Amino acid sequence: MSDEDIDTLVAWVDAGSPFGNQEDLPGPKQYPVVGEWRLAEELGQPDHVIQSTKWDVPGTGQDMWWEPEVDTGITESRCLRRPLTALLTMQTLTSWLRTKRVSG
């Protein structure tokens, strides 16, 4: 920061940090609708959504690998499609755990 910028901040703090002109504020943040599929234009609407269990990431400590086992609710053969762009997914590993033997 320049000395002039620092002087401006110090003067603002010394004045009691007054609130600025409300007309200069940006509009409120627009959050996406909860539960809305936001990638429909790129990927189409999903046929089935598998939700993982919640997991809290600690603010400090060692890196942790989360390995949830999630019931898919799928009972018949299905084809899966990956996202069409690498920008949508980062470091995802998926595996299938069979719970019973299939004969044949």
C-alpha atoms as a PDB file:
ATOM      1  CA  MET A   1       0.000   0.000   0.000  1.00  0.00           C
ATOM      2  CA  SER A   2       1.136   3.502  -0.669  1.00  0.00           C
ATOM      3  CA  ASP A   3       1.702   5.966   2.179  1.00  0.00           C
ATOM      4  CA  GLU A   4      -1.313   7.909   0.912  1.00  0.00           C
ATOM      5  CA  ASP A   5      -3.543   4.795   1.117  1.00  0.00           C
ATOM      6  CA  ILE A   6      -2.295   4.064   4.635  1.00  0.00           C
ATOM      7  CA  ASP A   7      -2.940   7.683   5.696  1.00  0.00           C
ATOM      8  CA  THR A   8      -6.486   7.428   4.296  1.00  0.00           C
ATOM      9  CA  LEU A   9      -7.180   4.259   6.307  1.00  0.00           C
ATOM     10  CA  VAL A  10      -5.666   5.691   9.488  1.00  0.00           C
ATOM     11  CA  ALA A  11      -7.792   8.838   9.148  1.00  0.00           C
ATOM     12  CA  TRP A  12     -10.909   6.711   8.635  1.00  0.00           C
ATOM     13  CA  VAL A  13     -10.155   4.607  11.748  1.00  0.00           C
ATOM     14  CA  ASP A  14      -9.301   7.715  13.790  1.00  0.00           C
ATOM     15  CA  ALA A  15     -12.683   9.193  12.775  1.00  0.00           C
ATOM     16  CA  GLY A  16     -14.455   6.174  14.286  1.00  0.00           C
ATOM     17  CA  SER A  17     -14.750   4.163  11.047  1.00  0.00           C
ATOM     18  CA  PRO A  18     -17.867   5.985   9.815  1.00  0.00           C
ATOM     19  CA  PHE A  19     -20.170   4.179   7.434  1.00  0.00           C
ATOM     20  CA  GLY A  20     -19.888   5.445   3.848  1.00  0.00           C
ATOM     21  CA  ASN A  21     -22.592   6.524   1.431  1.00  0.00           C
ATOM     22  CA  GLN A  22     -25.154   3.716   1.135  1.00  0.00           C
ATOM     23  CA  GLU A  23     -25.720   4.612  -2.531  1.00  0.00           C
ATOM     24  CA  ASP A  24     -22.128   3.547  -3.253  1.00  0.00           C
ATOM     25  CA  LEU A  25     -22.671   0.016  -1.911  1.00  0.00           C
ATOM     26  CA  PRO A  26     -22.969  -2.900  -4.342  1.00  0.00           C
ATOM     27  CA  GLY A  27     -26.285  -4.736  -4.472  1.00  0.00           C
ATOM     28  CA  PRO A  28     -26.889  -7.733  -2.206  1.00  0.00           C
ATOM     29  CA  LYS A  29     -25.172 -10.994  -3.137  1.00  0.00           C
ATOM     30  CA  GLN A  30     -27.365 -13.253  -5.222  1.00  0.00           C
ATOM     31  CA  TYR A  31     -27.085 -16.815  -3.948  1.00  0.00           C
ATOM     32  CA  PRO A  32     -28.212 -19.793  -6.042  1.00  0.00           C
ATOM     33  CA  VAL A  33     -31.493 -21.457  -5.192  1.00  0.00           C
ATOM     34  CA  VAL A  34     -30.927 -24.365  -2.786  1.00  0.00           C
ATOM     35  CA  GLY A  35     -31.508 -27.685  -4.511  1.00  0.00           C
ATOM     36  CA  GLU A  36     -31.472 -26.173  -8.016  1.00  0.00           C
ATOM     37  CA  TRP A  37     -29.347 -27.968 -10.622  1.00  0.00           C
ATOM     38  CA  ARG A  38     -27.133 -25.160 -11.890  1.00  0.00           C
ATOM     39  CA  LEU A  39     -25.419 -27.029 -14.738  1.00  0.00           C
ATOM     40  CA  ALA A  40     -28.530 -27.991 -16.696  1.00  0.00           C
ATOM     41  CA  GLU A  41     -27.524 -25.925 -19.731  1.00  0.00           C
ATOM     42  CA  GLU A  42     -24.140 -27.661 -19.968  1.00  0.00           C
ATOM     43  CA  LEU A  43     -25.022 -31.195 -18.813  1.00  0.00           C
ATOM     44  CA  GLY A  44     -28.810 -31.456 -19.012  1.00  0.00           C
ATOM     45  CA  GLN A  45     -31.052 -32.292 -16.068  1.00  0.00           C
ATOM     46  CA  PRO A  46     -29.768 -35.240 -14.010  1.00  0.00           C
ATOM     47  CA  ASP A  47     -31.668 -38.533 -14.090  1.00  0.00           C
ATOM     48  CA  HIS A  48     -30.447 -39.420 -10.617  1.00  0.00           C
ATOM     49  CA  VAL A  49     -28.563 -37.479  -7.949  1.00  0.00           C
ATOM     50  CA  ILE A  50     -26.454 -39.290  -5.359  1.00  0.00           C
ATOM     51  CA  GLN A  51     -25.876 -37.191  -2.271  1.00  0.00           C
ATOM     52  CA  SER A  52     -22.964 -37.775  -0.001  1.00  0.00           C
ATOM     53  CA  THR A  53     -23.067 -37.502   3.748  1.00  0.00           C
ATOM     54  CA  LYS A  54     -21.937 -34.204   5.257  1.00  0.00           C
ATOM     55  CA  TRP A  55     -18.380 -33.821   6.432  1.00  0.00           C
ATOM     56  CA  ASP A  56     -16.749 -30.950   8.298  1.00  0.00           C
ATOM     57  CA  VAL A  57     -13.225 -30.012   7.286  1.00  0.00           C
ATOM     58  CA  PRO A  58     -11.140 -28.968  10.294  1.00  0.00           C
ATOM     59  CA  GLY A  59      -9.549 -25.535  10.080  1.00  0.00           C
ATOM     60  CA  THR A  60      -6.154 -26.834  11.163  1.00  0.00           C
ATOM     61  CA  GLY A  61      -4.258 -30.094  11.171  1.00  0.00           C
ATOM     62  CA  GLN A  62      -3.144 -32.653   8.629  1.00  0.00           C
ATOM     63  CA  ASP A  63      -4.747 -33.223   5.241  1.00  0.00           C
ATOM     64  CA  MET A  64      -7.585 -35.720   5.530  1.00  0.00           C
ATOM     65  CA  TRP A  65      -8.976 -38.105   2.937  1.00  0.00           C
ATOM     66  CA  TRP A  66     -12.710 -38.516   3.223  1.00  0.00           C
ATOM     67  CA  GLU A  67     -13.946 -41.889   2.009  1.00  0.00           C
ATOM     68  CA  PRO A  68     -17.716 -42.051   2.432  1.00  0.00           C
ATOM     69  CA  GLU A  69     -19.758 -45.080   1.414  1.00  0.00           C
ATOM     70  CA  VAL A  70     -23.066 -43.849   0.048  1.00  0.00           C
ATOM     71  CA  ASP A  71     -26.123 -45.854  -0.965  1.00  0.00           C
ATOM     72  CA  THR A  72     -26.904 -44.864  -4.562  1.00  0.00           C
ATOM     73  CA  GLY A  73     -30.486 -46.056  -4.523  1.00  0.00           C
ATOM     74  CA  ILE A  74     -29.863 -47.555  -7.982  1.00  0.00           C
ATOM     75  CA  THR A  75     -31.253 -51.071  -8.342  1.00  0.00           C
ATOM     76  CA  GLU A  76     -30.929 -51.627 -12.112  1.00  0.00           C
ATOM     77  CA  SER A  77     -28.107 -51.352 -14.657  1.00  0.00           C
ATOM     78  CA  ARG A  78     -27.328 -47.721 -15.514  1.00  0.00           C
ATOM     79  CA  CYS A  79     -24.895 -45.853 -17.728  1.00  0.00           C
ATOM     80  CA  LEU A  80     -22.958 -43.014 -16.159  1.00  0.00           C
ATOM     81  CA  ARG A  81     -21.682 -39.918 -17.919  1.00  0.00           C
ATOM     82  CA  ARG A  82     -18.837 -37.828 -16.685  1.00  0.00           C
ATOM     83  CA  PRO A  83     -18.917 -34.035 -16.798  1.00  0.00           C
ATOM     84  CA  LEU A  84     -17.982 -32.797 -20.259  1.00  0.00           C
ATOM     85  CA  THR A  85     -15.465 -30.272 -18.968  1.00  0.00           C
ATOM     86  CA  ALA A  86     -12.632 -30.590 -16.485  1.00  0.00           C
ATOM     87  CA  LEU A  87     -13.599 -27.210 -15.021  1.00  0.00           C
ATOM     88  CA  LEU A  88     -16.531 -28.786 -13.177  1.00  0.00           C
ATOM     89  CA  THR A  89     -14.775 -31.443 -11.125  1.00  0.00           C
ATOM     90  CA  MET A  90     -11.575 -31.500  -9.126  1.00  0.00           C
ATOM     91  CA  GLN A  91      -9.947 -34.574  -7.619  1.00  0.00           C
ATOM     92  CA  THR A  92     -12.888 -36.924  -7.669  1.00  0.00           C
ATOM     93  CA  LEU A  93     -12.324 -40.652  -7.314  1.00  0.00           C
ATOM     94  CA  THR A  94     -15.276 -42.974  -7.662  1.00  0.00           C
ATOM     95  CA  SER A  95     -15.478 -46.705  -7.140  1.00  0.00           C
ATOM     96  CA  TRP A  96     -18.262 -49.241  -7.025  1.00  0.00           C
ATOM     97  CA  LEU A  97     -18.631 -51.495  -3.993  1.00  0.00           C
ATOM     98  CA  ARG A  98     -20.631 -54.620  -4.733  1.00  0.00           C
ATOM     99  CA  THR A  99     -22.533 -55.851  -1.710  1.00  0.00           C
ATOM    100  CA  LYS A 100     -23.471 -59.251  -3.139  1.00  0.00           C
ATOM    101  CA  ARG A 101     -22.109 -61.675  -5.711  1.00  0.00           C
ATOM    102  CA  VAL A 102     -23.607 -61.709  -9.176  1.00  0.00           C
ATOM    103  CA  SER A 103     -23.853 -65.161 -10.754  1.00  0.00           C
ATOM    104  CA  GLY A 104     -22.989 -65.815 -14.417  1.00  0.00           C
END
